[in-house]
Amino acid sequence: MRKTTWRKSSYSTETGTCVELATSLDRIRDSKDPFGPTLRVDVAG
């Protein structure tokens, strides 16, 4: 199983209100709950 690497949105605020995007570009999560659910998105172009 591969480890997923995450990066914070450039729209992050100082209070931590933001989302994180998987470097594979197929998942989004709430940065305040890194072990919570993730949203899968279709990356087909």
PDB file of N, CA and C in Angstrom:
ATOM      1  N   MET A   1       0.843  -1.173   0.000  1.00  0.00           N
ATOM      2  CA  MET A   1       0.000   0.000   0.000  1.00  0.00           C
ATOM      3  C   MET A   1       0.892   1.241   0.000  1.00  0.00           C
ATOM      4  N   ARG A   2       0.602   2.197  -0.880  1.00  0.00           N
ATOM      5  CA  ARG A   2       1.384   3.418  -0.974  1.00  0.00           C
ATOM      6  C   ARG A   2       0.939   4.437   0.061  1.00  0.00           C
ATOM      7  N   LYS A   3       1.893   5.198   0.579  1.00  0.00           N
ATOM      8  CA  LYS A   3       1.571   6.275   1.506  1.00  0.00           C
ATOM      9  C   LYS A   3       1.138   7.494   0.690  1.00  0.00           C
ATOM     10  N   THR A   4       0.037   8.098   1.099  1.00  0.00           N
ATOM     11  CA  THR A   4      -0.463   9.286   0.417  1.00  0.00           C
ATOM     12  C   THR A   4       0.208  10.523   0.982  1.00  0.00           C
ATOM     13  N   THR A   5       0.662  11.394   0.122  1.00  0.00           N
ATOM     14  CA  THR A   5       1.224  12.669   0.525  1.00  0.00           C
ATOM     15  C   THR A   5       0.177  13.745   0.282  1.00  0.00           C
ATOM     16  N   TRP A   6       0.022  14.645   1.260  1.00  0.00           N
ATOM     17  CA  TRP A   6      -0.991  15.686   1.193  1.00  0.00           C
ATOM     18  C   TRP A   6      -0.334  17.061   1.172  1.00  0.00           C
ATOM     19  N   ARG A   7      -1.017  18.034   0.541  1.00  0.00           N
ATOM     20  CA  ARG A   7      -0.546  19.420   0.575  1.00  0.00           C
ATOM     21  C   ARG A   7      -1.738  20.321   0.852  1.00  0.00           C
ATOM     22  N   LYS A   8      -1.485  21.378   1.624  1.00  0.00           N
ATOM     23  CA  LYS A   8      -2.561  22.307   1.977  1.00  0.00           C
ATOM     24  C   LYS A   8      -2.890  23.222   0.812  1.00  0.00           C
ATOM     25  N   SER A   9      -4.125  23.598   0.761  1.00  0.00           N
ATOM     26  CA  SER A   9      -4.588  24.542  -0.247  1.00  0.00           C
ATOM     27  C   SER A   9      -3.887  25.886  -0.064  1.00  0.00           C
ATOM     28  N   SER A  10      -3.644  26.574  -1.140  1.00  0.00           N
ATOM     29  CA  SER A  10      -3.045  27.905  -1.057  1.00  0.00           C
ATOM     30  C   SER A  10      -4.026  28.915  -0.474  1.00  0.00           C
ATOM     31  N   TYR A  11      -5.273  28.535  -0.320  1.00  0.00           N
ATOM     32  CA  TYR A  11      -6.293  29.409   0.259  1.00  0.00           C
ATOM     33  C   TYR A  11      -6.446  29.192   1.762  1.00  0.00           C
ATOM     34  N   SER A  12      -5.501  28.509   2.402  1.00  0.00           N
ATOM     35  CA  SER A  12      -5.557  28.253   3.836  1.00  0.00           C
ATOM     36  C   SER A  12      -5.582  29.552   4.618  1.00  0.00           C
ATOM     37  N   THR A  13      -6.214  29.511   5.785  1.00  0.00           N
ATOM     38  CA  THR A  13      -6.233  30.677   6.656  1.00  0.00           C
ATOM     39  C   THR A  13      -5.367  30.420   7.875  1.00  0.00           C
ATOM     40  N   GLU A  14      -5.078  31.455   8.619  1.00  0.00           N
ATOM     41  CA  GLU A  14      -4.264  31.329   9.832  1.00  0.00           C
ATOM     42  C   GLU A  14      -4.950  30.463  10.888  1.00  0.00           C
ATOM     43  N   THR A  15      -6.279  30.403  10.863  1.00  0.00           N
ATOM     44  CA  THR A  15      -7.015  29.617  11.853  1.00  0.00           C
ATOM     45  C   THR A  15      -7.091  28.144  11.474  1.00  0.00           C
ATOM     46  N   GLY A  16      -6.528  27.778  10.355  1.00  0.00           N
ATOM     47  CA  GLY A  16      -6.506  26.380   9.945  1.00  0.00           C
ATOM     48  C   GLY A  16      -7.684  25.946   9.115  1.00  0.00           C
ATOM     49  N   THR A  17      -8.514  26.877   8.697  1.00  0.00           N
ATOM     50  CA  THR A  17      -9.667  26.542   7.887  1.00  0.00           C
ATOM     51  C   THR A  17      -9.222  26.298   6.449  1.00  0.00           C
ATOM     52  N   CYS A  18      -9.091  25.042   6.087  1.00  0.00           N
ATOM     53  CA  CYS A  18      -8.664  24.749   4.723  1.00  0.00           C
ATOM     54  C   CYS A  18      -8.877  23.272   4.399  1.00  0.00           C
ATOM     55  N   VAL A  19      -8.594  22.952   3.194  1.00  0.00           N
ATOM     56  CA  VAL A  19      -8.623  21.572   2.748  1.00  0.00           C
ATOM     57  C   VAL A  19      -7.224  21.185   2.305  1.00  0.00           C
ATOM     58  N   GLU A  20      -6.994  19.882   2.234  1.00  0.00           N
ATOM     59  CA  GLU A  20      -5.738  19.363   1.728  1.00  0.00           C
ATOM     60  C   GLU A  20      -6.032  18.506   0.517  1.00  0.00           C
ATOM     61  N   LEU A  21      -5.130  18.519  -0.416  1.00  0.00           N
ATOM     62  CA  LEU A  21      -5.266  17.784  -1.661  1.00  0.00           C
ATOM     63  C   LEU A  21      -4.171  16.731  -1.736  1.00  0.00           C
ATOM     64  N   ALA A  22      -4.556  15.502  -2.066  1.00  0.00           N
ATOM     65  CA  ALA A  22      -3.563  14.449  -2.246  1.00  0.00           C
ATOM     66  C   ALA A  22      -2.720  14.775  -3.468  1.00  0.00           C
ATOM     67  N   THR A  23      -1.432  14.478  -3.405  1.00  0.00           N
ATOM     68  CA  THR A  23      -0.572  14.779  -4.549  1.00  0.00           C
ATOM     69  C   THR A  23      -0.968  13.971  -5.778  1.00  0.00           C
ATOM     70  N   SER A  24      -1.705  12.887  -5.586  1.00  0.00           N
ATOM     71  CA  SER A  24      -2.214  12.111  -6.721  1.00  0.00           C
ATOM     72  C   SER A  24      -3.427  12.795  -7.363  1.00  0.00           C
ATOM     73  N   LEU A  25      -3.899  13.889  -6.745  1.00  0.00           N
ATOM     74  CA  LEU A  25      -5.014  14.720  -7.229  1.00  0.00           C
ATOM     75  C   LEU A  25      -6.357  13.999  -7.277  1.00  0.00           C
ATOM     76  N   ASP A  26      -6.496  12.913  -6.544  1.00  0.00           N
ATOM     77  CA  ASP A  26      -7.764  12.182  -6.581  1.00  0.00           C
ATOM     78  C   ASP A  26      -8.523  12.192  -5.254  1.00  0.00           C
ATOM     79  N   ARG A  27      -8.005  12.888  -4.235  1.00  0.00           N
ATOM     80  CA  ARG A  27      -8.686  12.935  -2.944  1.00  0.00           C
ATOM     81  C   ARG A  27      -8.509  14.296  -2.276  1.00  0.00           C
ATOM     82  N   ILE A  28      -9.526  14.671  -1.481  1.00  0.00           N
ATOM     83  CA  ILE A  28      -9.540  15.910  -0.717  1.00  0.00           C
ATOM     84  C   ILE A  28      -9.919  15.546   0.713  1.00  0.00           C
ATOM     85  N   ARG A  29      -9.343  16.274   1.686  1.00  0.00           N
ATOM     86  CA  ARG A  29      -9.724  16.050   3.083  1.00  0.00           C
ATOM     87  C   ARG A  29      -9.694  17.366   3.849  1.00  0.00           C
ATOM     88  N   ASP A  30     -10.328  17.362   5.013  1.00  0.00           N
ATOM     89  CA  ASP A  30     -10.332  18.509   5.916  1.00  0.00           C
ATOM     90  C   ASP A  30      -9.014  18.486   6.686  1.00  0.00           C
ATOM     91  N   SER A  31      -8.256  19.559   6.633  1.00  0.00           N
ATOM     92  CA  SER A  31      -6.943  19.578   7.284  1.00  0.00           C
ATOM     93  C   SER A  31      -7.043  19.492   8.804  1.00  0.00           C
ATOM     94  N   LYS A  32      -8.184  19.851   9.375  1.00  0.00           N
ATOM     95  CA  LYS A  32      -8.356  19.764  10.818  1.00  0.00           C
ATOM     96  C   LYS A  32      -8.642  18.340  11.274  1.00  0.00           C
ATOM     97  N   ASP A  33      -8.955  17.450  10.369  1.00  0.00           N
ATOM     98  CA  ASP A  33      -9.285  16.054  10.702  1.00  0.00           C
ATOM     99  C   ASP A  33      -8.522  15.118   9.759  1.00  0.00           C
ATOM    100  N   PRO A  34      -7.190  15.042   9.893  1.00  0.00           N
ATOM    101  CA  PRO A  34      -6.393  14.279   8.934  1.00  0.00           C
ATOM    102  C   PRO A  34      -6.674  12.769   8.925  1.00  0.00           C
ATOM    103  N   PHE A  35      -7.292  12.249   9.983  1.00  0.00           N
ATOM    104  CA  PHE A  35      -7.609  10.826  10.013  1.00  0.00           C
ATOM    105  C   PHE A  35      -9.080  10.562   9.718  1.00  0.00           C
ATOM    106  N   GLY A  36      -9.801  11.620   9.366  1.00  0.00           N
ATOM    107  CA  GLY A  36     -11.218  11.511   9.050  1.00  0.00           C
ATOM    108  C   GLY A  36     -11.440  11.077   7.615  1.00  0.00           C
ATOM    109  N   PRO A  37     -12.657  11.220   7.151  1.00  0.00           N
ATOM    110  CA  PRO A  37     -12.997  10.784   5.800  1.00  0.00           C
ATOM    111  C   PRO A  37     -12.325  11.648   4.723  1.00  0.00           C
ATOM    112  N   THR A  38     -12.189  11.065   3.551  1.00  0.00           N
ATOM    113  CA  THR A  38     -11.670  11.787   2.403  1.00  0.00           C
ATOM    114  C   THR A  38     -12.708  11.741   1.298  1.00  0.00           C
ATOM    115  N   LEU A  39     -12.666  12.720   0.430  1.00  0.00           N
ATOM    116  CA  LEU A  39     -13.572  12.784  -0.705  1.00  0.00           C
ATOM    117  C   LEU A  39     -12.801  12.383  -1.940  1.00  0.00           C
ATOM    118  N   ARG A  40     -13.237  11.321  -2.613  1.00  0.00           N
ATOM    119  CA  ARG A  40     -12.593  10.894  -3.855  1.00  0.00           C
ATOM    120  C   ARG A  40     -13.199  11.673  -5.019  1.00  0.00           C
ATOM    121  N   VAL A  41     -12.338  12.101  -5.923  1.00  0.00           N
ATOM    122  CA  VAL A  41     -12.795  12.840  -7.084  1.00  0.00           C
ATOM    123  C   VAL A  41     -12.279  12.160  -8.343  1.00  0.00           C
ATOM    124  N   ASP A  42     -13.025  12.327  -9.426  1.00  0.00           N
ATOM    125  CA  ASP A  42     -12.649  11.756 -10.698  1.00  0.00           C
ATOM    126  C   ASP A  42     -11.634  12.667 -11.369  1.00  0.00           C
ATOM    127  N   VAL A  43     -10.480  12.120 -11.726  1.00  0.00           N
ATOM    128  CA  VAL A  43      -9.442  12.931 -12.333  1.00  0.00           C
ATOM    129  C   VAL A  43      -9.367  12.731 -13.851  1.00  0.00           C
ATOM    130  N   ALA A  44     -10.362  12.066 -14.397  1.00  0.00           N
ATOM    131  CA  ALA A  44     -10.381  11.839 -15.846  1.00  0.00           C
ATOM    132  C   ALA A  44     -10.529  13.175 -16.567  1.00  0.00           C
ATOM    133  N   GLY A  45      -9.771  13.356 -17.617  1.00  0.00           N
ATOM    134  CA  GLY A  45      -9.829  14.636 -18.323  1.00  0.00           C
ATOM    135  C   GLY A  45     -10.479  14.502 -19.581  1.00  0.00           C
TER     136      GLY A  45
END
